[in-house]
Protein backbone atom coordinates (compact mmCIF):
# COMPACT_ATOMS: atom_id res chain seq x y z
CA UNK A 1 0.29 0.08 -0.25
CA UNK A 2 2.67 2.53 1.10
CA UNK A 3 4.98 1.81 -2.34
CA UNK A 4 1.94 2.42 -4.41
CA UNK A 5 0.98 5.84 -2.48
CA UNK A 6 4.65 6.71 -2.93
CA UNK A 7 4.31 6.16 -6.77
CA UNK A 8 1.46 7.53 -7.80
CA UNK A 9 2.19 10.97 -5.28
CA UNK A 10 5.84 11.61 -7.36
CA UNK A 11 4.53 11.31 -11.18
CA UNK A 12 6.97 12.37 -13.99
CA UNK A 13 5.64 15.54 -15.34
CA UNK A 14 6.70 15.13 -19.17
CA UNK A 15 4.66 18.36 -20.20
CA UNK A 16 6.64 20.68 -17.92
CA UNK A 17 9.78 19.87 -19.55
CA UNK A 18 8.74 20.00 -22.80
CA UNK A 19 7.19 23.42 -21.97
CA UNK A 20 10.59 24.28 -20.68
CA UNK A 21 12.43 23.97 -23.71
CA UNK A 22 13.32 27.09 -25.59
CA UNK A 23 12.07 26.02 -28.97
CA UNK A 24 15.11 28.03 -30.76
CA UNK A 25 18.72 27.74 -31.30
CA UNK A 26 21.09 29.70 -28.17
CA UNK A 27 21.99 33.00 -29.70
CA UNK A 28 26.14 33.75 -30.08
CA UNK A 29 27.55 36.22 -28.45
CA UNK A 30 27.83 38.68 -30.97
CA UNK A 31 23.70 38.48 -31.50
CA UNK A 32 23.64 38.68 -27.74
CA UNK A 33 25.87 42.00 -27.74
CA UNK A 34 24.20 43.53 -30.76
CA UNK A 35 20.51 42.86 -29.32
CA UNK A 36 21.76 44.68 -25.97
CA UNK A 37 23.14 47.50 -27.76
CA UNK A 38 19.99 48.10 -29.72
CA UNK A 39 17.66 47.90 -26.33
CA UNK A 40 20.15 50.23 -25.21
CA UNK A 41 19.94 52.57 -27.65
CA UNK A 42 16.21 52.75 -27.62
CA UNK A 43 15.20 56.01 -25.50
CA UNK A 44 13.11 54.44 -22.29
CA UNK A 45 12.32 57.61 -20.16
CA UNK A 46 10.50 60.71 -21.10
CA UNK A 47 13.27 62.78 -21.52
CA UNK A 48 15.37 60.50 -23.54
CA UNK A 49 12.29 60.57 -25.83
CA UNK A 50 12.81 64.53 -26.18
CA UNK A 51 16.53 64.32 -26.22
CA UNK A 52 16.26 61.98 -29.19
CA UNK A 53 12.96 64.40 -30.66
CA UNK A 54 15.77 67.16 -30.56
CA UNK A 55 18.73 65.19 -32.09
CA UNK A 56 16.68 64.37 -34.72
CA UNK A 57 15.23 67.94 -35.45
CA UNK A 58 18.81 69.15 -35.29
CA UNK A 59 20.06 66.66 -37.83
CA UNK A 60 17.32 67.38 -40.14
CA UNK A 61 17.70 71.35 -40.23
CA UNK A 62 21.77 70.77 -40.56
CA UNK A 63 20.63 68.87 -43.54
CA UNK A 64 18.30 71.57 -44.97
CA UNK A 65 20.70 74.27 -44.83
CA UNK A 66 23.70 72.27 -46.94
CA UNK A 67 20.58 71.41 -48.91
CA UNK A 68 19.77 74.44 -49.50
CA UNK A 69 23.30 76.08 -50.81
CA UNK A 70 23.94 72.38 -52.07
CA UNK A 71 20.76 72.01 -54.32
CA UNK A 72 20.49 68.45 -53.06
CA UNK A 73 16.55 68.20 -53.55
CA UNK A 74 16.96 64.75 -50.84
CA UNK A 75 16.73 67.05 -48.17
CA UNK A 76 15.11 70.30 -49.83
CA UNK A 77 11.87 71.14 -48.41
CA UNK A 78 8.96 70.22 -49.85
CA UNK A 79 8.17 73.57 -51.75
CA UNK A 80 11.29 73.32 -53.61
CA UNK A 81 11.26 69.79 -54.77
CA UNK A 82 10.59 68.26 -58.13
CA UNK A 83 11.48 69.12 -61.51
CA UNK A 84 9.57 72.23 -61.94
CA UNK A 85 10.56 73.86 -59.46
CA UNK A 86 14.15 73.07 -60.11
CA UNK A 87 13.24 74.40 -63.82
CA UNK A 88 11.88 77.78 -62.36
CA UNK A 89 14.71 78.56 -60.46
CA UNK A 90 17.16 77.82 -63.59
CA UNK A 91 14.77 80.54 -65.38
CA UNK A 92 14.77 83.12 -62.97
CA UNK A 93 18.57 82.80 -62.26
CA UNK A 94 19.75 83.08 -66.08
CA UNK A 95 17.46 85.79 -67.04
CA UNK A 96 18.47 89.69 -65.96
CA UNK A 97 15.92 91.61 -63.47
CA UNK A 98 15.48 94.98 -62.83
CA UNK A 99 15.76 94.36 -59.23
CA UNK A 100 19.27 93.69 -59.18
CA UNK A 101 19.15 97.83 -59.81
CA UNK A 102 16.91 98.36 -57.12
CA UNK A 103 19.38 99.03 -54.33
CA UNK A 104 22.12 101.42 -56.45
CA UNK A 105 18.73 103.38 -57.26
CA UNK A 106 17.62 103.41 -53.96
CA UNK A 107 21.05 105.10 -52.86
CA UNK A 108 21.02 107.33 -55.47
CA UNK A 109 17.49 108.92 -55.25
CA UNK A 110 17.77 108.81 -50.95
CA UNK A 111 20.81 111.20 -52.27
CA UNK A 112 19.08 113.51 -54.21
CA UNK A 113 16.06 113.69 -51.80
CA UNK A 114 18.24 114.75 -49.27
CA UNK A 115 20.65 117.45 -51.39
CA UNK A 116 17.69 119.83 -50.43
CA UNK A 117 17.21 121.04 -54.21
CA UNK A 118 13.41 120.27 -55.08
CA UNK A 119 13.95 119.57 -58.85
CA UNK A 120 16.84 117.10 -57.97
CA UNK A 121 14.63 115.54 -55.32
CA UNK A 122 11.93 115.56 -57.74
CA UNK A 123 14.20 113.69 -60.41
CA UNK A 124 14.74 111.24 -58.13
CA UNK A 125 11.38 110.59 -57.27
CA UNK A 126 10.67 109.94 -61.10
CA UNK A 127 13.75 107.34 -61.54
CA UNK A 128 12.41 105.81 -58.07
CA UNK A 129 8.69 105.47 -59.50
CA UNK A 130 9.99 104.73 -62.90
CA UNK A 131 12.20 101.84 -61.43
CA UNK A 132 8.77 100.31 -60.03
CA UNK A 133 7.02 100.64 -63.39
CA UNK A 134 9.85 98.51 -64.81
CA UNK A 135 9.74 95.50 -61.83
CA UNK A 136 6.11 95.14 -62.33
CA UNK A 137 6.33 95.15 -66.29
CA UNK A 138 9.18 93.01 -66.06
CA UNK A 139 7.21 90.58 -63.29
CA UNK A 140 4.51 90.33 -65.70
CA UNK A 141 6.61 89.44 -68.52
CA UNK A 142 8.13 86.63 -66.33
CA UNK A 143 4.49 85.42 -65.65
CA UNK A 144 3.58 85.02 -69.13
CA UNK A 145 7.02 83.20 -70.55
CA UNK A 146 6.90 81.10 -67.54
CA UNK A 147 3.64 79.73 -68.29
CA UNK A 148 4.41 79.31 -71.46
CA UNK A 149 7.63 77.22 -70.76
CA UNK A 150 6.06 74.88 -68.02
CA UNK A 151 2.90 74.32 -70.47
CA UNK A 152 5.47 73.04 -73.12
CA UNK A 153 7.54 71.23 -70.74
CA UNK A 154 5.44 69.97 -68.07
CA UNK A 155 2.31 69.23 -69.67
CA UNK A 156 1.23 67.04 -67.25
CA UNK A 157 2.54 68.96 -63.87
CA UNK A 158 0.21 71.21 -62.24
CA UNK A 159 0.67 74.85 -62.33
CA UNK A 160 -0.71 75.84 -58.96
CA UNK A 161 1.37 78.51 -57.62
CA UNK A 162 4.54 78.31 -59.65
CA UNK A 163 4.23 81.69 -60.27
CA UNK A 164 4.50 83.16 -57.14
CA UNK A 165 7.41 81.00 -56.54
CA UNK A 166 8.89 82.64 -59.39
CA UNK A 167 7.77 86.06 -58.49
CA UNK A 168 9.08 85.55 -54.95
CA UNK A 169 12.60 84.33 -56.10
CA UNK A 170 12.66 87.09 -58.94
CA UNK A 171 12.13 89.96 -56.07
CA UNK A 172 15.16 88.53 -54.61
CA UNK A 173 18.98 89.68 -54.82
CA UNK A 174 20.67 86.66 -56.73
CA UNK A 175 23.15 86.43 -53.49
CA UNK A 176 20.42 85.99 -51.08
CA UNK A 177 18.25 83.34 -53.23
CA UNK A 178 17.32 80.02 -51.52
CA UNK A 179 18.17 77.29 -52.90
CA UNK A 180 21.56 79.14 -53.88
CA UNK A 181 21.38 80.10 -57.88
CA UNK A 182 23.57 77.96 -60.27
CA UNK A 183 23.20 79.43 -63.40
CA UNK A 184 24.25 82.49 -64.41
CA UNK A 185 23.69 83.52 -68.12
CA UNK A 186 21.71 80.88 -70.16
CA UNK A 187 20.04 77.62 -69.54
CA UNK A 188 22.99 74.99 -70.02
CA UNK A 189 19.72 72.37 -70.27
CA UNK A 190 18.31 73.77 -73.42
CA UNK A 191 21.55 73.79 -75.14
CA UNK A 192 21.73 70.06 -74.43
CA UNK A 193 17.74 69.23 -75.20
CA UNK A 194 18.80 71.05 -78.41
CA UNK A 195 21.47 69.43 -79.42
CA UNK A 196 19.73 66.07 -78.58
CA UNK A 197 17.08 67.08 -80.70
CA UNK A 198 19.38 67.61 -83.68
CA UNK A 199 21.22 63.93 -82.76
CA UNK A 200 17.84 62.67 -82.83
CA UNK A 201 16.63 64.45 -86.36
CA UNK A 202 20.06 63.41 -87.73
CA UNK A 203 19.47 59.54 -86.49
CA UNK A 204 17.06 58.35 -88.74
CA UNK A 205 18.64 60.24 -91.92
CA UNK A 206 21.94 58.07 -90.75
CA UNK A 207 19.97 54.94 -90.34
CA UNK A 208 18.25 55.46 -93.76
CA UNK A 209 21.89 55.85 -95.32
CA UNK A 210 23.12 52.78 -93.97
CA UNK A 211 20.39 51.15 -95.80
């Protein structure tokens, strides 16, 4: 009787042993160290999360400022990205704008106004108003030319906001424009496209000659 009760009181728990198995290979030392480093990098407290967010914002701002100087579209703001905005910047930067003469004209007209001579001051005012009128006319010409070029080159792209973008850039002095300007006189891309078209026009003729 006692032996039977003792054997019944101590059964073998095979399910517990099976459940206690890991069911996966033991990670190597290198994998364990990598996992520990990954857990250590994850911010846990609110203070660590705020510090990580500040660091990410600072890094993003640094990359954006650098992109404004180099023109790297990967880190440019959304308003400056895309081939349409790049073409607008090149077009505005490649043309002469009367805004570039505004600072010298202001200095001259200010000196004329402080000359003490009414006729000289009136001439200075006339020059100033004439310059403002030239700037307005130049902006209108830029608007129509820009719309024509964008319609031809980018027929499937929306044109909303392109005029404002071009006018705001044109009203700035060239050394103050961001992203920095990279075209000085004329579009190099236009010459390349013309050469490409000429090459494409010559190719069928050459093919017919070979035939």
